[in-house]
Amino acid sequence: MRQDWCPGQQVKPYVVDVTANVKLGDKATVSYRGLPNGNEPPDNASSIAMSSYLVICK
């Protein structure tokens, strides 16, 4: 959801195969950082409401 600032616009999925980064039975942590134009935002300047999915196939 784009929080009403750009309703209906297609969002391209960002897909990454993390198979080589995890080991069966070990704990894996996934994190995300949104950087506007690749830069740190000023303090409390923005927020991101995001939904994401991690798909696990055996």
C-alpha atoms as a PDB file:
ATOM      1  CA  MET A   1       0.000   0.000   0.000  1.00  0.00           C
ATOM      2  CA  ARG A   2       1.296   3.441  -0.855  1.00  0.00           C
ATOM      3  CA  GLN A   3      -0.539   5.332   1.929  1.00  0.00           C
ATOM      4  CA  ASP A   4      -2.671   7.317  -0.572  1.00  0.00           C
ATOM      5  CA  TRP A   5       0.198   9.388  -1.994  1.00  0.00           C
ATOM      6  CA  CYS A   6       0.301   7.411  -5.233  1.00  0.00           C
ATOM      7  CA  PRO A   7      -2.746   5.159  -5.324  1.00  0.00           C
ATOM      8  CA  GLY A   8      -2.872   2.442  -7.933  1.00  0.00           C
ATOM      9  CA  GLN A   9       0.644   2.768  -9.310  1.00  0.00           C
ATOM     10  CA  GLN A  10       2.364  -0.541 -10.035  1.00  0.00           C
ATOM     11  CA  VAL A  11       5.213  -1.398  -7.674  1.00  0.00           C
ATOM     12  CA  LYS A  12       7.908  -3.666  -9.111  1.00  0.00           C
ATOM     13  CA  PRO A  13       8.822  -6.501  -6.732  1.00  0.00           C
ATOM     14  CA  TYR A  14      12.358  -6.674  -5.402  1.00  0.00           C
ATOM     15  CA  VAL A  15      13.309 -10.352  -5.483  1.00  0.00           C
ATOM     16  CA  VAL A  16      16.489 -11.777  -3.952  1.00  0.00           C
ATOM     17  CA  ASP A  17      17.512 -15.431  -3.666  1.00  0.00           C
ATOM     18  CA  VAL A  18      19.070 -15.743  -0.191  1.00  0.00           C
ATOM     19  CA  THR A  19      19.672 -19.506  -0.401  1.00  0.00           C
ATOM     20  CA  ALA A  20      23.463 -19.087  -0.294  1.00  0.00           C
ATOM     21  CA  ASN A  21      23.190 -16.829   2.787  1.00  0.00           C
ATOM     22  CA  VAL A  22      21.347 -19.227   5.097  1.00  0.00           C
ATOM     23  CA  LYS A  23      22.065 -22.653   6.531  1.00  0.00           C
ATOM     24  CA  LEU A  24      19.292 -25.182   7.187  1.00  0.00           C
ATOM     25  CA  GLY A  25      18.470 -25.226  10.896  1.00  0.00           C
ATOM     26  CA  ASP A  26      20.188 -21.909  11.702  1.00  0.00           C
ATOM     27  CA  LYS A  27      18.384 -18.711  12.637  1.00  0.00           C
ATOM     28  CA  ALA A  28      18.197 -16.117   9.841  1.00  0.00           C
ATOM     29  CA  THR A  29      17.477 -12.410  10.313  1.00  0.00           C
ATOM     30  CA  VAL A  30      16.165 -10.193   7.525  1.00  0.00           C
ATOM     31  CA  SER A  31      16.275  -6.407   7.807  1.00  0.00           C
ATOM     32  CA  TYR A  32      15.384  -3.492   5.558  1.00  0.00           C
ATOM     33  CA  ARG A  33      16.455   0.157   5.396  1.00  0.00           C
ATOM     34  CA  GLY A  34      14.793   2.711   3.137  1.00  0.00           C
ATOM     35  CA  LEU A  35      17.205   5.456   2.145  1.00  0.00           C
ATOM     36  CA  PRO A  36      15.825   8.348   0.057  1.00  0.00           C
ATOM     37  CA  ASN A  37      18.130   8.618  -2.968  1.00  0.00           C
ATOM     38  CA  GLY A  38      20.624   6.453  -1.061  1.00  0.00           C
ATOM     39  CA  ASN A  39      21.076   9.025   1.729  1.00  0.00           C
ATOM     40  CA  GLU A  40      20.253   8.974   5.419  1.00  0.00           C
ATOM     41  CA  PRO A  41      17.133  11.094   6.046  1.00  0.00           C
ATOM     42  CA  PRO A  42      17.323  13.935   8.585  1.00  0.00           C
ATOM     43  CA  ASP A  43      16.055  12.947  12.054  1.00  0.00           C
ATOM     44  CA  ASN A  44      12.312  12.175  12.076  1.00  0.00           C
ATOM     45  CA  ALA A  45      11.998  13.457   8.490  1.00  0.00           C
ATOM     46  CA  SER A  46      10.168  10.477   7.053  1.00  0.00           C
ATOM     47  CA  SER A  47       8.640   7.083   7.616  1.00  0.00           C
ATOM     48  CA  ILE A  48       7.877   4.031   5.525  1.00  0.00           C
ATOM     49  CA  ALA A  49       4.798   1.857   5.951  1.00  0.00           C
ATOM     50  CA  MET A  50       5.805  -1.395   4.270  1.00  0.00           C
ATOM     51  CA  SER A  51       4.465  -4.908   3.895  1.00  0.00           C
ATOM     52  CA  SER A  52       6.819  -7.651   2.761  1.00  0.00           C
ATOM     53  CA  TYR A  53       6.886 -11.409   2.389  1.00  0.00           C
ATOM     54  CA  LEU A  54       9.616 -13.978   2.818  1.00  0.00           C
ATOM     55  CA  VAL A  55       8.811 -17.105   0.826  1.00  0.00           C
ATOM     56  CA  ILE A  56      10.443 -20.327   2.013  1.00  0.00           C
ATOM     57  CA  CYS A  57      10.425 -23.382  -0.255  1.00  0.00           C
ATOM     58  CA  LYS A  58      11.693 -26.824   0.699  1.00  0.00           C
END
